């Protein structure tokens, strides 16, 4: 088991214990305003956070089993062992900003329940995601 999965399993365990403690504490202190004395928003939030942490820990556990040993898990590793190319990041792409703007339109459409704004944001998000993925597959003169 790699370091990343251990971290998320530990976070999930902590959140699960805090969810149990939170449910018991709000039930013990609970007043008539709560259903069965439990404050449900915090209980559901902590439970979902624990579940998502376990899900991410499981995903990292599965993917780390398929990989060779990484420098983070090797005790005798030096700083140079982790050096190298990590990936290609486009320095002058406008599409991440355009995607963020379309997500903003989506959020505003949901917040104010304006279906036209929600539809516009969804269409723009699909278009900008496609453009981000295709920006180096389209010839330069067609940009």
C-alpha atoms as a PDB file:
ATOM      1  CA  UNK A   1       0.000   0.000   0.000  1.00  0.00           C
ATOM      2  CA  UNK A   2       1.430   3.352  -1.019  1.00  0.00           C
ATOM      3  CA  UNK A   3       1.709   6.575   0.875  1.00  0.00           C
ATOM      4  CA  UNK A   4      -1.209   8.299  -0.853  1.00  0.00           C
ATOM      5  CA  UNK A   5      -3.699   5.570  -0.056  1.00  0.00           C
ATOM      6  CA  UNK A   6      -2.518   5.400   3.560  1.00  0.00           C
ATOM      7  CA  UNK A   7      -3.069   9.137   3.946  1.00  0.00           C
ATOM      8  CA  UNK A   8      -6.621   8.997   2.601  1.00  0.00           C
ATOM      9  CA  UNK A   9      -7.474   5.906   4.635  1.00  0.00           C
ATOM     10  CA  UNK A  10      -6.264   7.745   7.738  1.00  0.00           C
ATOM     11  CA  UNK A  11      -8.301  10.836   6.855  1.00  0.00           C
ATOM     12  CA  UNK A  12     -11.364   8.661   6.216  1.00  0.00           C
ATOM     13  CA  UNK A  13     -10.937   6.864   9.535  1.00  0.00           C
ATOM     14  CA  UNK A  14     -10.628  10.176  11.369  1.00  0.00           C
ATOM     15  CA  UNK A  15     -13.719  11.581   9.636  1.00  0.00           C
ATOM     16  CA  UNK A  16     -15.725   8.418  10.344  1.00  0.00           C
ATOM     17  CA  UNK A  17     -14.833   8.597  14.056  1.00  0.00           C
ATOM     18  CA  UNK A  18     -15.703  12.303  14.119  1.00  0.00           C
ATOM     19  CA  UNK A  19     -19.027  11.559  12.402  1.00  0.00           C
ATOM     20  CA  UNK A  20     -19.910   8.997  15.076  1.00  0.00           C
ATOM     21  CA  UNK A  21     -18.823  11.388  17.822  1.00  0.00           C
ATOM     22  CA  UNK A  22     -20.771  14.244  16.189  1.00  0.00           C
ATOM     23  CA  UNK A  23     -23.958  12.173  15.908  1.00  0.00           C
ATOM     24  CA  UNK A  24     -23.710  11.026  19.521  1.00  0.00           C
ATOM     25  CA  UNK A  25     -22.869  14.521  20.781  1.00  0.00           C
ATOM     26  CA  UNK A  26     -25.710  16.254  18.934  1.00  0.00           C
ATOM     27  CA  UNK A  27     -28.125  13.531  19.955  1.00  0.00           C
ATOM     28  CA  UNK A  28     -27.115  13.937  23.607  1.00  0.00           C
ATOM     29  CA  UNK A  29     -27.254  17.751  23.496  1.00  0.00           C
ATOM     30  CA  UNK A  30     -30.110  17.808  20.967  1.00  0.00           C
ATOM     31  CA  UNK A  31     -33.190  19.876  21.477  1.00  0.00           C
ATOM     32  CA  UNK A  32     -36.681  19.662  20.040  1.00  0.00           C
ATOM     33  CA  UNK A  33     -35.570  21.568  16.939  1.00  0.00           C
ATOM     34  CA  UNK A  34     -33.770  18.509  15.580  1.00  0.00           C
ATOM     35  CA  UNK A  35     -35.291  15.275  14.353  1.00  0.00           C
ATOM     36  CA  UNK A  36     -34.361  12.638  16.954  1.00  0.00           C
ATOM     37  CA  UNK A  37     -31.896  15.126  18.437  1.00  0.00           C
ATOM     38  CA  UNK A  38     -29.359  14.724  15.603  1.00  0.00           C
ATOM     39  CA  UNK A  39     -28.130  17.711  13.617  1.00  0.00           C
ATOM     40  CA  UNK A  40     -28.372  16.164  10.148  1.00  0.00           C
ATOM     41  CA  UNK A  41     -26.382  18.604   8.024  1.00  0.00           C
ATOM     42  CA  UNK A  42     -23.146  18.046   9.908  1.00  0.00           C
ATOM     43  CA  UNK A  43     -23.765  14.327  10.294  1.00  0.00           C
ATOM     44  CA  UNK A  44     -24.365  13.815   6.576  1.00  0.00           C
ATOM     45  CA  UNK A  45     -21.440  16.077   5.660  1.00  0.00           C
ATOM     46  CA  UNK A  46     -18.979  14.211   7.864  1.00  0.00           C
ATOM     47  CA  UNK A  47     -20.288  10.823   6.721  1.00  0.00           C
ATOM     48  CA  UNK A  48     -19.987  11.750   3.047  1.00  0.00           C
ATOM     49  CA  UNK A  49     -16.515  13.210   3.580  1.00  0.00           C
ATOM     50  CA  UNK A  50     -15.435   9.943   5.208  1.00  0.00           C
ATOM     51  CA  UNK A  51     -16.963   7.898   2.387  1.00  0.00           C
ATOM     52  CA  UNK A  52     -15.271  10.015  -0.284  1.00  0.00           C
ATOM     53  CA  UNK A  53     -11.927   9.730   1.519  1.00  0.00           C
ATOM     54  CA  UNK A  54     -12.245   5.952   1.597  1.00  0.00           C
ATOM     55  CA  UNK A  55     -13.214   5.945  -2.084  1.00  0.00           C
ATOM     56  CA  UNK A  56     -10.169   8.013  -3.012  1.00  0.00           C
ATOM     57  CA  UNK A  57      -7.952   5.842  -0.809  1.00  0.00           C
ATOM     58  CA  UNK A  58      -9.273   2.732  -2.553  1.00  0.00           C
ATOM     59  CA  UNK A  59      -8.643   4.252  -5.977  1.00  0.00           C
ATOM     60  CA  UNK A  60      -5.095   5.209  -5.032  1.00  0.00           C
ATOM     61  CA  UNK A  61      -4.524   1.745  -3.559  1.00  0.00           C
ATOM     62  CA  UNK A  62      -5.602   0.089  -6.814  1.00  0.00           C
ATOM     63  CA  UNK A  63      -3.515   2.380  -9.017  1.00  0.00           C
ATOM     64  CA  UNK A  64      -0.437   2.218  -6.759  1.00  0.00           C
ATOM     65  CA  UNK A  65      -0.428  -1.587  -6.932  1.00  0.00           C
ATOM     66  CA  UNK A  66      -0.053  -1.386 -10.720  1.00  0.00           C
ATOM     67  CA  UNK A  67       2.900   1.023 -10.582  1.00  0.00           C
ATOM     68  CA  UNK A  68       6.545   0.383  -9.853  1.00  0.00           C
ATOM     69  CA  UNK A  69       7.936   1.746  -6.626  1.00  0.00           C
ATOM     70  CA  UNK A  70       7.980   5.532  -6.658  1.00  0.00           C
ATOM     71  CA  UNK A  71      10.646   7.671  -4.946  1.00  0.00           C
ATOM     72  CA  UNK A  72       8.143   8.757  -2.293  1.00  0.00           C
ATOM     73  CA  UNK A  73       7.849   5.171  -1.046  1.00  0.00           C
ATOM     74  CA  UNK A  74      11.579   4.371  -1.200  1.00  0.00           C
ATOM     75  CA  UNK A  75      13.387   5.144   2.045  1.00  0.00           C
ATOM     76  CA  UNK A  76      16.837   5.590   0.448  1.00  0.00           C
ATOM     77  CA  UNK A  77      15.571   7.915  -2.303  1.00  0.00           C
ATOM     78  CA  UNK A  78      17.366  11.143  -3.107  1.00  0.00           C
ATOM     79  CA  UNK A  79      15.833  14.356  -4.396  1.00  0.00           C
ATOM     80  CA  UNK A  80      17.171  13.634  -7.889  1.00  0.00           C
ATOM     81  CA  UNK A  81      15.204  10.382  -8.088  1.00  0.00           C
ATOM     82  CA  UNK A  82      11.942  12.295  -8.388  1.00  0.00           C
ATOM     83  CA  UNK A  83      13.247  14.692 -11.037  1.00  0.00           C
ATOM     84  CA  UNK A  84      12.159  14.552 -14.627  1.00  0.00           C
ATOM     85  CA  UNK A  85       9.295  15.466 -16.887  1.00  0.00           C
ATOM     86  CA  UNK A  86       5.973  15.274 -15.067  1.00  0.00           C
ATOM     87  CA  UNK A  87       3.802  16.102 -18.047  1.00  0.00           C
ATOM     88  CA  UNK A  88       3.069  18.712 -20.666  1.00  0.00           C
ATOM     89  CA  UNK A  89       1.295  21.870 -19.597  1.00  0.00           C
ATOM     90  CA  UNK A  90       0.333  24.393 -22.228  1.00  0.00           C
ATOM     91  CA  UNK A  91       1.737  27.766 -21.141  1.00  0.00           C
ATOM     92  CA  UNK A  92      -0.413  29.972 -23.350  1.00  0.00           C
ATOM     93  CA  UNK A  93      -3.767  28.202 -23.486  1.00  0.00           C
ATOM     94  CA  UNK A  94      -6.921  30.267 -22.987  1.00  0.00           C
ATOM     95  CA  UNK A  95      -9.131  27.209 -22.538  1.00  0.00           C
ATOM     96  CA  UNK A  96      -8.659  26.605 -18.797  1.00  0.00           C
ATOM     97  CA  UNK A  97      -9.847  30.174 -18.151  1.00  0.00           C
ATOM     98  CA  UNK A  98     -12.762  29.673 -20.554  1.00  0.00           C
ATOM     99  CA  UNK A  99     -13.699  26.454 -18.770  1.00  0.00           C
ATOM    100  CA  UNK A 100     -13.638  28.252 -15.419  1.00  0.00           C
ATOM    101  CA  UNK A 101     -15.875  30.997 -16.831  1.00  0.00           C
ATOM    102  CA  UNK A 102     -18.363  28.439 -18.151  1.00  0.00           C
ATOM    103  CA  UNK A 103     -18.397  26.687 -14.750  1.00  0.00           C
ATOM    104  CA  UNK A 104     -19.117  30.107 -13.242  1.00  0.00           C
ATOM    105  CA  UNK A 105     -22.102  30.493 -15.585  1.00  0.00           C
ATOM    106  CA  UNK A 106     -23.274  27.007 -14.597  1.00  0.00           C
ATOM    107  CA  UNK A 107     -23.033  27.911 -10.913  1.00  0.00           C
ATOM    108  CA  UNK A 108     -24.898  31.171 -11.415  1.00  0.00           C
ATOM    109  CA  UNK A 109     -27.598  29.332 -13.345  1.00  0.00           C
ATOM    110  CA  UNK A 110     -28.023  26.865 -10.494  1.00  0.00           C
ATOM    111  CA  UNK A 111     -27.858  29.546  -7.787  1.00  0.00           C
ATOM    112  CA  UNK A 112     -30.498  31.787  -9.372  1.00  0.00           C
ATOM    113  CA  UNK A 113     -32.341  28.888 -11.071  1.00  0.00           C
ATOM    114  CA  UNK A 114     -32.168  30.476 -14.496  1.00  0.00           C
ATOM    115  CA  UNK A 115     -32.432  27.575 -16.908  1.00  0.00           C
ATOM    116  CA  UNK A 116     -31.193  29.583 -19.886  1.00  0.00           C
ATOM    117  CA  UNK A 117     -28.012  30.480 -17.986  1.00  0.00           C
ATOM    118  CA  UNK A 118     -27.601  26.886 -16.861  1.00  0.00           C
ATOM    119  CA  UNK A 119     -27.992  25.609 -20.428  1.00  0.00           C
ATOM    120  CA  UNK A 120     -25.586  28.256 -21.747  1.00  0.00           C
ATOM    121  CA  UNK A 121     -22.991  27.294 -19.136  1.00  0.00           C
ATOM    122  CA  UNK A 122     -23.379  23.564 -19.902  1.00  0.00           C
ATOM    123  CA  UNK A 123     -22.992  24.086 -23.657  1.00  0.00           C
ATOM    124  CA  UNK A 124     -20.009  26.384 -23.107  1.00  0.00           C
ATOM    125  CA  UNK A 125     -18.398  23.871 -20.742  1.00  0.00           C
ATOM    126  CA  UNK A 126     -18.753  21.060 -23.274  1.00  0.00           C
ATOM    127  CA  UNK A 127     -17.353  23.274 -26.047  1.00  0.00           C
ATOM    128  CA  UNK A 128     -14.415  24.606 -24.015  1.00  0.00           C
ATOM    129  CA  UNK A 129     -13.526  21.103 -22.773  1.00  0.00           C
ATOM    130  CA  UNK A 130     -13.481  19.860 -26.359  1.00  0.00           C
ATOM    131  CA  UNK A 131     -11.318  22.807 -27.416  1.00  0.00           C
ATOM    132  CA  UNK A 132      -8.886  22.171 -24.564  1.00  0.00           C
ATOM    133  CA  UNK A 133      -8.531  18.536 -25.586  1.00  0.00           C
ATOM    134  CA  UNK A 134      -8.221  19.302 -29.295  1.00  0.00           C
ATOM    135  CA  UNK A 135      -6.026  22.402 -29.184  1.00  0.00           C
ATOM    136  CA  UNK A 136      -2.914  20.558 -30.372  1.00  0.00           C
ATOM    137  CA  UNK A 137      -4.784  18.244 -32.735  1.00  0.00           C
ATOM    138  CA  UNK A 138      -6.152  21.068 -34.872  1.00  0.00           C
ATOM    139  CA  UNK A 139      -3.713  22.583 -37.389  1.00  0.00           C
ATOM    140  CA  UNK A 140      -2.283  25.955 -36.339  1.00  0.00           C
ATOM    141  CA  UNK A 141      -3.864  27.913 -39.192  1.00  0.00           C
ATOM    142  CA  UNK A 142      -7.356  26.839 -38.072  1.00  0.00           C
ATOM    143  CA  UNK A 143      -7.029  28.215 -34.529  1.00  0.00           C
END
